[in-house]
C-alpha atoms as a PDB file:
ATOM      1  CA  MET A   1      12.119  23.755  37.587  1.00  0.00           C
ATOM      2  CA  THR A   2      15.306  21.888  36.479  1.00  0.00           C
ATOM      3  CA  PRO A   3      17.246  23.927  33.887  1.00  0.00           C
ATOM      4  CA  LEU A   4      16.985  22.628  30.384  1.00  0.00           C
ATOM      5  CA  ILE A   5      20.095  21.225  28.639  1.00  0.00           C
ATOM      6  CA  ALA A   6      21.773  23.778  26.295  1.00  0.00           C
ATOM      7  CA  ALA A   7      19.220  24.957  23.845  1.00  0.00           C
ATOM      8  CA  ALA A   8      19.562  24.264  20.167  1.00  0.00           C
ATOM      9  CA  PRO A   9      20.875  27.114  18.042  1.00  0.00           C
ATOM     10  CA  GLN A  10      18.046  29.264  16.735  1.00  0.00           C
ATOM     11  CA  PRO A  11      17.579  29.612  12.972  1.00  0.00           C
ATOM     12  CA  SER A  12      17.880  33.067  11.442  1.00  0.00           C
ATOM     13  CA  LEU A  13      14.716  35.067  10.414  1.00  0.00           C
ATOM     14  CA  ASP A  14      15.600  34.681   6.823  1.00  0.00           C
ATOM     15  CA  ASN A  15      15.927  30.965   7.059  1.00  0.00           C
ATOM     16  CA  SER A  16      12.597  30.721   8.855  1.00  0.00           C
ATOM     17  CA  LEU A  17      10.892  32.736   6.104  1.00  0.00           C
ATOM     18  CA  GLU A  18      12.376  30.486   3.431  1.00  0.00           C
ATOM     19  CA  ARG A  19      11.641  27.221   5.246  1.00  0.00           C
ATOM     20  CA  ARG A  20       8.643  25.222   3.846  1.00  0.00           C
ATOM     21  CA  LEU A  21       6.198  23.497   5.966  1.00  0.00           C
ATOM     22  CA  PHE A  22       7.163  19.999   7.195  1.00  0.00           C
ATOM     23  CA  THR A  23      10.727  20.450   5.991  1.00  0.00           C
ATOM     24  CA  ARG A  24      13.112  18.572   8.327  1.00  0.00           C
ATOM     25  CA  ARG A  25      15.239  21.051  10.269  1.00  0.00           C
ATOM     26  CA  SER A  26      18.929  20.411   9.811  1.00  0.00           C
ATOM     27  CA  ASP A  27      19.759  22.262  13.056  1.00  0.00           C
ATOM     28  CA  LEU A  28      17.824  19.634  15.074  1.00  0.00           C
ATOM     29  CA  THR A  29      20.471  16.861  14.985  1.00  0.00           C
ATOM     30  CA  GLU A  30      19.805  13.290  16.284  1.00  0.00           C
ATOM     31  CA  ALA A  31      21.593  14.224  19.517  1.00  0.00           C
ATOM     32  CA  ILE A  32      19.404  17.276  19.986  1.00  0.00           C
ATOM     33  CA  ARG A  33      16.260  15.328  19.261  1.00  0.00           C
ATOM     34  CA  LEU A  34      17.297  12.655  21.822  1.00  0.00           C
ATOM     35  CA  THR A  35      17.965  15.451  24.371  1.00  0.00           C
ATOM     36  CA  ILE A  36      14.487  16.888  23.718  1.00  0.00           C
ATOM     37  CA  ALA A  37      12.823  13.491  23.927  1.00  0.00           C
ATOM     38  CA  ASN A  38      14.647  12.624  27.184  1.00  0.00           C
ATOM     39  CA  THR A  39      13.952  15.945  28.931  1.00  0.00           C
ATOM     40  CA  ALA A  40      10.270  15.928  27.751  1.00  0.00           C
ATOM     41  CA  LEU A  41       9.772  12.242  28.793  1.00  0.00           C
ATOM     42  CA  ASN A  42      11.306  12.909  32.249  1.00  0.00           C
ATOM     43  CA  ALA A  43       9.063  15.966  32.737  1.00  0.00           C
ATOM     44  CA  ILE A  44       5.923  13.895  31.824  1.00  0.00           C
ATOM     45  CA  LEU A  45       6.815  11.033  34.116  1.00  0.00           C
ATOM     46  CA  ASN A  46       7.498  13.355  36.992  1.00  0.00           C
ATOM     47  CA  ARG A  47       4.533  15.597  36.231  1.00  0.00           C
ATOM     48  CA  ARG A  48       6.343  18.779  35.748  1.00  0.00           C
ATOM     49  CA  TRP A  49       3.680  20.942  34.434  1.00  0.00           C
ATOM     50  CA  GLY A  50       4.815  23.648  31.943  1.00  0.00           C
ATOM     51  CA  ALA A  51       7.973  21.930  31.050  1.00  0.00           C
ATOM     52  CA  ILE A  52       6.710  20.923  27.524  1.00  0.00           C
ATOM     53  CA  THR A  53       5.901  24.528  26.748  1.00  0.00           C
ATOM     54  CA  ASP A  54       9.361  25.642  27.964  1.00  0.00           C
ATOM     55  CA  ILE A  55      11.042  23.044  25.725  1.00  0.00           C
ATOM     56  CA  SER A  56       8.990  24.091  22.712  1.00  0.00           C
ATOM     57  CA  LYS A  57       9.881  27.680  23.255  1.00  0.00           C
ATOM     58  CA  ALA A  58      13.575  26.852  23.821  1.00  0.00           C
ATOM     59  CA  TYR A  59      13.967  24.920  20.582  1.00  0.00           C
ATOM     60  CA  GLY A  60      11.393  26.886  18.519  1.00  0.00           C
ATOM     61  CA  ILE A  61       9.246  23.684  17.858  1.00  0.00           C
ATOM     62  CA  SER A  62       5.588  22.757  18.433  1.00  0.00           C
ATOM     63  CA  ARG A  63       4.317  21.113  21.611  1.00  0.00           C
ATOM     64  CA  THR A  64       2.954  18.324  19.438  1.00  0.00           C
ATOM     65  CA  PHE A  65       6.425  17.561  18.095  1.00  0.00           C
ATOM     66  CA  VAL A  66       7.817  17.533  21.657  1.00  0.00           C
ATOM     67  CA  TYR A  67       5.134  14.992  22.759  1.00  0.00           C
ATOM     68  CA  SER A  68       5.753  12.752  19.641  1.00  0.00           C
ATOM     69  CA  LEU A  69       9.545  12.637  20.433  1.00  0.00           C
ATOM     70  CA  ALA A  70       8.861  11.771  24.089  1.00  0.00           C
ATOM     71  CA  ASN A  71       6.354   9.088  22.948  1.00  0.00           C
ATOM     72  CA  GLU A  72       8.791   7.490  20.511  1.00  0.00           C
ATOM     73  CA  LEU A  73      11.516   7.327  23.219  1.00  0.00           C
ATOM     74  CA  LYS A  74       8.879   5.722  25.631  1.00  0.00           C
ATOM     75  CA  GLN A  75       7.943   3.065  23.119  1.00  0.00           C
ATOM     76  CA  LEU A  76      11.575   2.302  22.522  1.00  0.00           C
ATOM     77  CA  GLY A  77      12.221   2.042  26.195  1.00  0.00           C
ATOM     78  CA  GLN A  78       9.270  -0.287  26.722  1.00  0.00           C
ATOM     79  CA  PHE A  79      10.430  -2.546  23.854  1.00  0.00           C
ATOM     80  CA  LEU A  80      14.052  -2.714  25.262  1.00  0.00           C
ATOM     81  CA  PHE A  81      13.125  -3.335  28.919  1.00  0.00           C
ATOM     82  CA  LYS A  82       9.998  -5.308  28.763  1.00  0.00           C
ATOM     83  CA  ASP A  83       9.859  -8.753  30.402  1.00  0.00           C
ATOM     84  CA  LYS A  84      11.391 -11.386  28.174  1.00  0.00           C
ATOM     85  CA  THR A  85       9.865 -14.871  27.967  1.00  0.00           C
ATOM     86  CA  ASN A  86      12.051 -17.941  27.968  1.00  0.00           C
ATOM     87  CA  ASP A  87       9.500 -19.945  26.089  1.00  0.00           C
ATOM     88  CA  PRO A  88      10.395 -19.906  22.352  1.00  0.00           C
ATOM     89  CA  GLN A  89       7.146 -21.464  21.415  1.00  0.00           C
ATOM     90  CA  ALA A  90       5.273 -18.689  23.011  1.00  0.00           C
ATOM     91  CA  LEU A  91       7.198 -16.208  20.988  1.00  0.00           C
ATOM     92  CA  THR A  92       6.495 -18.123  17.760  1.00  0.00           C
ATOM     93  CA  ARG A  93       2.797 -18.263  18.584  1.00  0.00           C
ATOM     94  CA  GLU A  94       2.703 -14.495  19.273  1.00  0.00           C
ATOM     95  CA  ARG A  95       4.573 -13.707  16.134  1.00  0.00           C
ATOM     96  CA  LYS A  96       2.198 -15.948  14.133  1.00  0.00           C
ATOM     97  CA  ARG A  97      -0.826 -14.270  15.698  1.00  0.00           C
ATOM     98  CA  SER A  98       0.544 -10.892  14.633  1.00  0.00           C
ATOM     99  CA  ILE A  99       1.210 -11.864  11.116  1.00  0.00           C
ATOM    100  CA  GLU A 100      -2.256 -13.444  10.737  1.00  0.00           C
ATOM    101  CA  MET A 101      -3.913 -10.198  12.054  1.00  0.00           C
ATOM    102  CA  MET A 102      -1.695  -8.108   9.909  1.00  0.00           C
ATOM    103  CA  LEU A 103      -2.666 -10.006   6.731  1.00  0.00           C
ATOM    104  CA  SER A 104      -6.307 -10.207   7.694  1.00  0.00           C
ATOM    105  CA  ILE A 105      -6.658  -6.438   8.279  1.00  0.00           C
ATOM    106  CA  ARG A 106      -4.592  -5.558   5.108  1.00  0.00           C
ATOM    107  CA  LEU A 107      -6.119  -8.046   2.703  1.00  0.00           C
ATOM    108  CA  GLU A 108      -9.683  -8.614   3.953  1.00  0.00           C
ATOM    109  CA  GLY A 109     -10.127  -5.296   5.560  1.00  0.00           C
ATOM    110  CA  CYS A 110      -8.567  -3.526   2.672  1.00  0.00           C
ATOM    111  CA  SER A 111      -6.950  -1.021   5.218  1.00  0.00           C
ATOM    112  CA  SER A 112      -3.857   1.092   4.707  1.00  0.00           C
ATOM    113  CA  ILE A 113      -0.575   0.110   6.521  1.00  0.00           C
ATOM    114  CA  GLY A 114      -1.116   3.062   8.808  1.00  0.00           C
ATOM    115  CA  HIS A 115      -4.580   1.767   9.837  1.00  0.00           C
ATOM    116  CA  VAL A 116      -3.278  -1.826  10.170  1.00  0.00           C
ATOM    117  CA  SER A 117      -0.607  -0.417  12.561  1.00  0.00           C
ATOM    118  CA  THR A 118      -3.209   1.511  14.667  1.00  0.00           C
ATOM    119  CA  VAL A 119      -5.473  -1.701  15.019  1.00  0.00           C
ATOM    120  CA  MET A 120      -2.554  -3.937  15.929  1.00  0.00           C
ATOM    121  CA  LYS A 121      -1.176  -1.538  18.456  1.00  0.00           C
ATOM    122  CA  ARG A 122      -4.691  -1.462  20.164  1.00  0.00           C
ATOM    123  CA  GLN A 123      -4.596  -5.284  20.364  1.00  0.00           C
ATOM    124  CA  ALA A 124      -1.022  -5.167  21.764  1.00  0.00           C
ATOM    125  CA  CYS A 125       0.419  -7.168  18.817  1.00  0.00           C
ATOM    126  CA  ASP A 126       4.099  -7.580  17.933  1.00  0.00           C
ATOM    127  CA  LEU A 127       5.337  -6.132  14.720  1.00  0.00           C
ATOM    128  CA  SER A 128       2.818  -3.342  14.980  1.00  0.00           C
ATOM    129  CA  SER A 129       4.923  -0.373  13.814  1.00  0.00           C
ATOM    130  CA  ILE A 130       4.474   0.804  10.227  1.00  0.00           C
ATOM    131  CA  GLY A 131       8.054  -0.093   9.327  1.00  0.00           C
ATOM    132  CA  SER A 132       7.737  -3.701  10.681  1.00  0.00           C
ATOM    133  CA  ILE A 133       4.368  -4.154   8.855  1.00  0.00           C
ATOM    134  CA  SER A 134       5.769  -2.831   5.517  1.00  0.00           C
ATOM    135  CA  GLN A 135       8.872  -4.966   5.775  1.00  0.00           C
ATOM    136  CA  THR A 136       6.890  -8.095   6.736  1.00  0.00           C
ATOM    137  CA  LEU A 137       4.378  -7.706   3.843  1.00  0.00           C
ATOM    138  CA  SER A 138       7.228  -7.141   1.399  1.00  0.00           C
ATOM    139  CA  ARG A 139       8.929 -10.319   2.565  1.00  0.00           C
ATOM    140  CA  ILE A 140       5.755 -12.351   2.260  1.00  0.00           C
ATOM    141  CA  GLY A 141       5.093 -10.924  -1.151  1.00  0.00           C
ATOM    142  CA  GLY A 142       8.678 -11.778  -2.249  1.00  0.00           C
ATOM    143  CA  ILE A 143       8.202 -15.387  -1.123  1.00  0.00           C
ATOM    144  CA  LEU A 144       4.870 -16.009  -2.929  1.00  0.00           C
ATOM    145  CA  PRO A 145       5.098 -16.955  -6.576  1.00  0.00           C
ATOM    146  CA  MET A 146       3.519 -14.735  -9.261  1.00  0.00           C
ATOM    147  CA  THR A 147       1.529 -17.646 -10.737  1.00  0.00           C
ATOM    148  CA  ILE A 148      -0.692 -19.942  -8.708  1.00  0.00           C
ATOM    149  CA  ASP A 149       0.055 -23.662  -8.567  1.00  0.00           C
ATOM    150  CA  ALA A 150      -2.232 -25.651 -10.799  1.00  0.00           C
ATOM    151  CA  GLN A 151      -2.592 -28.235  -8.044  1.00  0.00           C
ATOM    152  CA  GLN A 152      -4.429 -25.709  -5.936  1.00  0.00           C
ATOM    153  CA  THR A 153      -7.128 -25.093  -8.416  1.00  0.00           C
ATOM    154  CA  LEU A 154      -8.984 -26.588 -11.455  1.00  0.00           C
ATOM    155  CA  GLN A 155      -7.164 -27.164 -14.708  1.00  0.00           C
ATOM    156  CA  TYR A 156      -9.706 -25.520 -16.913  1.00  0.00           C
ATOM    157  CA  LEU A 157     -10.748 -22.053 -15.907  1.00  0.00           C
ATOM    158  CA  VAL A 158     -12.314 -18.712 -17.162  1.00  0.00           C
ATOM    159  CA  PHE A 159      -9.602 -16.207 -17.256  1.00  0.00           C
ATOM    160  CA  ALA A 160     -10.656 -12.656 -16.243  1.00  0.00           C
ATOM    161  CA  SER A 161      -7.698 -10.466 -17.061  1.00  0.00           C
ATOM    162  CA  ASP A 162      -7.115  -6.752 -16.660  1.00  0.00           C
ATOM    163  CA  GLU A 163      -4.516  -4.115 -15.852  1.00  0.00           C
ATOM    164  CA  ILE A 164      -4.208  -2.169 -12.594  1.00  0.00           C
ATOM    165  CA  PHE A 165      -1.623   0.352 -11.730  1.00  0.00           C
ATOM    166  CA  SER A 166       0.774   0.926  -8.900  1.00  0.00           C
ATOM    167  CA  LYS A 167       1.165   4.659  -9.306  1.00  0.00           C
ATOM    168  CA  THR A 168       2.142   4.754 -13.018  1.00  0.00           C
ATOM    169  CA  THR A 169       3.569   1.098 -13.244  1.00  0.00           C
ATOM    170  CA  PRO A 170       1.098  -1.390 -14.848  1.00  0.00           C
ATOM    171  CA  VAL A 171       0.294  -4.590 -12.942  1.00  0.00           C
ATOM    172  CA  LEU A 172      -1.139  -7.449 -15.171  1.00  0.00           C
ATOM    173  CA  VAL A 173      -3.528  -9.557 -13.310  1.00  0.00           C
ATOM    174  CA  THR A 174      -5.603 -12.675 -14.248  1.00  0.00           C
ATOM    175  CA  VAL A 175      -8.179 -14.058 -11.774  1.00  0.00           C
ATOM    176  CA  ASP A 176     -10.701 -16.840 -11.549  1.00  0.00           C
ATOM    177  CA  PRO A 177     -14.039 -15.033 -11.439  1.00  0.00           C
ATOM    178  CA  CYS A 178     -15.840 -17.851  -9.605  1.00  0.00           C
ATOM    179  CA  SER A 179     -13.461 -18.045  -6.616  1.00  0.00           C
ATOM    180  CA  SER A 180     -11.605 -14.653  -7.024  1.00  0.00           C
ATOM    181  CA  ALA A 181      -8.431 -16.515  -6.732  1.00  0.00           C
ATOM    182  CA  ILE A 182      -5.489 -14.674  -8.308  1.00  0.00           C
ATOM    183  CA  LEU A 183      -4.107 -16.914 -10.984  1.00  0.00           C
ATOM    184  CA  ARG A 184      -1.204 -14.714 -11.956  1.00  0.00           C
ATOM    185  CA  ILE A 185      -0.078 -11.135 -11.025  1.00  0.00           C
ATOM    186  CA  GLU A 186       3.055  -9.389 -12.202  1.00  0.00           C
ATOM    187  CA  LEU A 187       4.548  -5.923 -12.170  1.00  0.00           C
ATOM    188  CA  SER A 188       5.509  -4.994 -15.716  1.00  0.00           C
ATOM    189  CA  GLU A 189       7.191  -2.079 -17.357  1.00  0.00           C
ATOM    190  CA  THR A 190       4.683  -1.972 -20.223  1.00  0.00           C
ATOM    191  CA  ARG A 191       1.408  -3.570 -21.146  1.00  0.00           C
ATOM    192  CA  HIS A 192       2.014  -4.342 -24.741  1.00  0.00           C
ATOM    193  CA  ALA A 193       1.046  -7.526 -26.712  1.00  0.00           C
ATOM    194  CA  ASP A 194       4.304  -9.318 -25.839  1.00  0.00           C
ATOM    195  CA  ASP A 195       3.723  -8.673 -22.028  1.00  0.00           C
ATOM    196  CA  TRP A 196       0.288 -10.236 -22.219  1.00  0.00           C
ATOM    197  CA  LYS A 197       1.490 -13.069 -24.490  1.00  0.00           C
ATOM    198  CA  ASN A 198       4.077 -13.996 -21.836  1.00  0.00           C
ATOM    199  CA  HIS A 199       1.523 -13.565 -19.086  1.00  0.00           C
ATOM    200  CA  PHE A 200      -0.992 -16.120 -20.622  1.00  0.00           C
ATOM    201  CA  GLU A 201       1.880 -18.543 -21.626  1.00  0.00           C
ATOM    202  CA  CYS A 202       3.109 -18.617 -18.019  1.00  0.00           C
ATOM    203  CA  LEU A 203      -0.432 -19.598 -16.988  1.00  0.00           C
ATOM    204  CA  MET A 204      -0.449 -22.418 -19.504  1.00  0.00           C
ATOM    205  CA  ASP A 205       2.992 -23.439 -18.412  1.00  0.00           C
ATOM    206  CA  ASN A 206       1.701 -23.944 -14.914  1.00  0.00           C
ATOM    207  CA  GLY A 207      -1.084 -26.328 -16.100  1.00  0.00           C
ATOM    208  CA  MET A 208      -3.985 -23.958 -16.482  1.00  0.00           C
ATOM    209  CA  GLU A 209      -6.053 -23.759 -19.643  1.00  0.00           C
ATOM    210  CA  ALA A 210      -8.588 -20.998 -20.451  1.00  0.00           C
ATOM    211  CA  ILE A 211     -12.190 -22.081 -21.281  1.00  0.00           C
ATOM    212  CA  TYR A 212     -12.617 -18.467 -22.440  1.00  0.00           C
ATOM    213  CA  LEU A 213     -11.119 -15.032 -21.601  1.00  0.00           C
ATOM    214  CA  VAL A 214     -13.099 -12.018 -20.241  1.00  0.00           C
ATOM    215  CA  SER A 215     -11.352  -8.618 -20.497  1.00  0.00           C
ATOM    216  CA  ASP A 216     -11.778  -5.119 -21.644  1.00  0.00           C
ATOM    217  CA  ASP A 217     -10.883  -4.046 -25.048  1.00  0.00           C
ATOM    218  CA  GLY A 218      -7.273  -2.896 -24.255  1.00  0.00           C
ATOM    219  CA  ILE A 219      -5.162  -3.062 -27.394  1.00  0.00           C
ATOM    220  CA  GLY A 220      -2.230  -4.831 -25.885  1.00  0.00           C
ATOM    221  CA  LEU A 221      -4.423  -7.303 -24.045  1.00  0.00           C
ATOM    222  CA  ARG A 222      -6.428  -8.218 -27.167  1.00  0.00           C
ATOM    223  CA  ALA A 223      -3.244  -8.620 -29.193  1.00  0.00           C
ATOM    224  CA  GLY A 224      -1.770 -10.754 -26.434  1.00  0.00           C
ATOM    225  CA  HIS A 225      -4.807 -12.863 -26.436  1.00  0.00           C
ATOM    226  CA  GLY A 226      -4.582 -13.350 -30.122  1.00  0.00           C
ATOM    227  CA  ALA A 227      -0.888 -14.385 -29.943  1.00  0.00           C
ATOM    228  CA  ALA A 228      -1.132 -16.818 -27.003  1.00  0.00           C
ATOM    229  CA  LEU A 229      -4.879 -17.895 -26.795  1.00  0.00           C
ATOM    230  CA  SER A 230      -6.047 -17.612 -30.440  1.00  0.00           C
ATOM    231  CA  HIS A 231      -7.970 -20.877 -29.936  1.00  0.00           C
ATOM    232  CA  THR A 232      -9.971 -19.386 -27.043  1.00  0.00           C
ATOM    233  CA  VAL A 233     -13.026 -17.252 -27.292  1.00  0.00           C
ATOM    234  CA  ARG A 234     -12.651 -13.728 -25.762  1.00  0.00           C
ATOM    235  CA  GLN A 235     -15.633 -11.581 -24.688  1.00  0.00           C
ATOM    236  CA  SER A 236     -15.883  -8.127 -23.295  1.00  0.00           C
ATOM    237  CA  ASP A 237     -16.673  -7.688 -19.638  1.00  0.00           C
ATOM    238  CA  THR A 238     -20.251  -6.418 -18.952  1.00  0.00           C
ATOM    239  CA  TYR A 239     -19.156  -2.917 -17.867  1.00  0.00           C
ATOM    240  CA  HIS A 240     -17.193  -2.180 -21.038  1.00  0.00           C
ATOM    241  CA  ALA A 241     -19.555  -3.998 -23.324  1.00  0.00           C
ATOM    242  CA  VAL A 242     -22.611  -1.844 -22.143  1.00  0.00           C
ATOM    243  CA  ALA A 243     -20.424   1.292 -22.114  1.00  0.00           C
ATOM    244  CA  HIS A 244     -19.205   0.765 -25.766  1.00  0.00           C
ATOM    245  CA  THR A 245     -22.745  -0.148 -26.935  1.00  0.00           C
ATOM    246  CA  LEU A 246     -24.335   2.978 -25.363  1.00  0.00           C
ATOM    247  CA  GLY A 247     -21.377   5.001 -26.632  1.00  0.00           C
ATOM    248  CA  SER A 248     -22.007   3.789 -30.135  1.00  0.00           C
ATOM    249  CA  TRP A 249     -25.818   4.508 -29.790  1.00  0.00           C
ATOM    250  CA  VAL A 250     -25.085   8.028 -28.478  1.00  0.00           C
ATOM    251  CA  GLU A 251     -22.806   8.684 -31.208  1.00  0.00           C
ATOM    252  CA  ARG A 252     -25.193   7.529 -33.994  1.00  0.00           C
ATOM    253  CA  PHE A 253     -27.952   9.558 -32.286  1.00  0.00           C
ATOM    254  CA  GLU A 254     -25.810  12.784 -32.241  1.00  0.00           C
ATOM    255  CA  LYS A 255     -25.029  12.371 -35.902  1.00  0.00           C
ATOM    256  CA  THR A 256     -28.625  11.752 -36.895  1.00  0.00           C
ATOM    257  CA  ALA A 257     -29.813  14.757 -34.767  1.00  0.00           C
ATOM    258  CA  TYR A 258     -27.054  17.003 -36.194  1.00  0.00           C
ATOM    259  CA  LYS A 259     -28.022  15.936 -39.758  1.00  0.00           C
ATOM    260  CA  ALA A 260     -31.582  16.643 -39.162  1.00  0.00           C
ATOM    261  CA  ILE A 261     -30.967  20.103 -37.642  1.00  0.00           C
ATOM    262  CA  LYS A 262     -28.691  20.984 -40.521  1.00  0.00           C
ATOM    263  CA  GLU A 263     -31.281  20.031 -43.162  1.00  0.00           C
ATOM    264  CA  ARG A 264     -33.885  22.191 -41.412  1.00  0.00           C
ATOM    265  CA  VAL A 265     -31.546  25.126 -41.301  1.00  0.00           C
END
């Protein structure tokens, strides 16, 4: 078997005991990782059995990690040395197809970026890496306006408004419940009355009038409605309306039952 290129320095026992799982090893520099990937890929292509095990022992790493480095180097080589087409229109069509599939899987399939990448790779699409997908989606999101153009929808609409969260950051959203079109969506530092007031005013500035508003009973949302849409009726959504009604009924029942038990005692 061909001797391995100089092995990486082995970490001390104390460092090994202190190291946490999945922590990136500082001793495995980029040059060493490239050496591992190159040696492993060469062994795989030339069917040198046992080479991967020897590499993993030499560097104190798992076989899975060795295979992952070899696979990344293989994918990079395929990208760099694949046949190039001289037809720019063909490239444009392929790129358009990839973006269409990316958006379809992400938005309609409600899939994670990792799952989008897996499906696109199976279909041999461009832009199929996780980094390319994340970057492309971010660029598309940056191009799209936060508020829909009134020319694309009716002027008088029912506003269904609520707050969702990106980790701990609130996202204010208003949709048309009939078409599910997002009328306005914005990342906000807070969800106070002024935030919702500005949200509703932006909708009106873009030519949309609310027939009435449907929302939960959030304090900031209701106050924002009163400040910007006081002329419009607001009603609680079915889920919260039922929950609040049942909650009030249960509370009254508990008080009555407690009072009866206390009187008997």
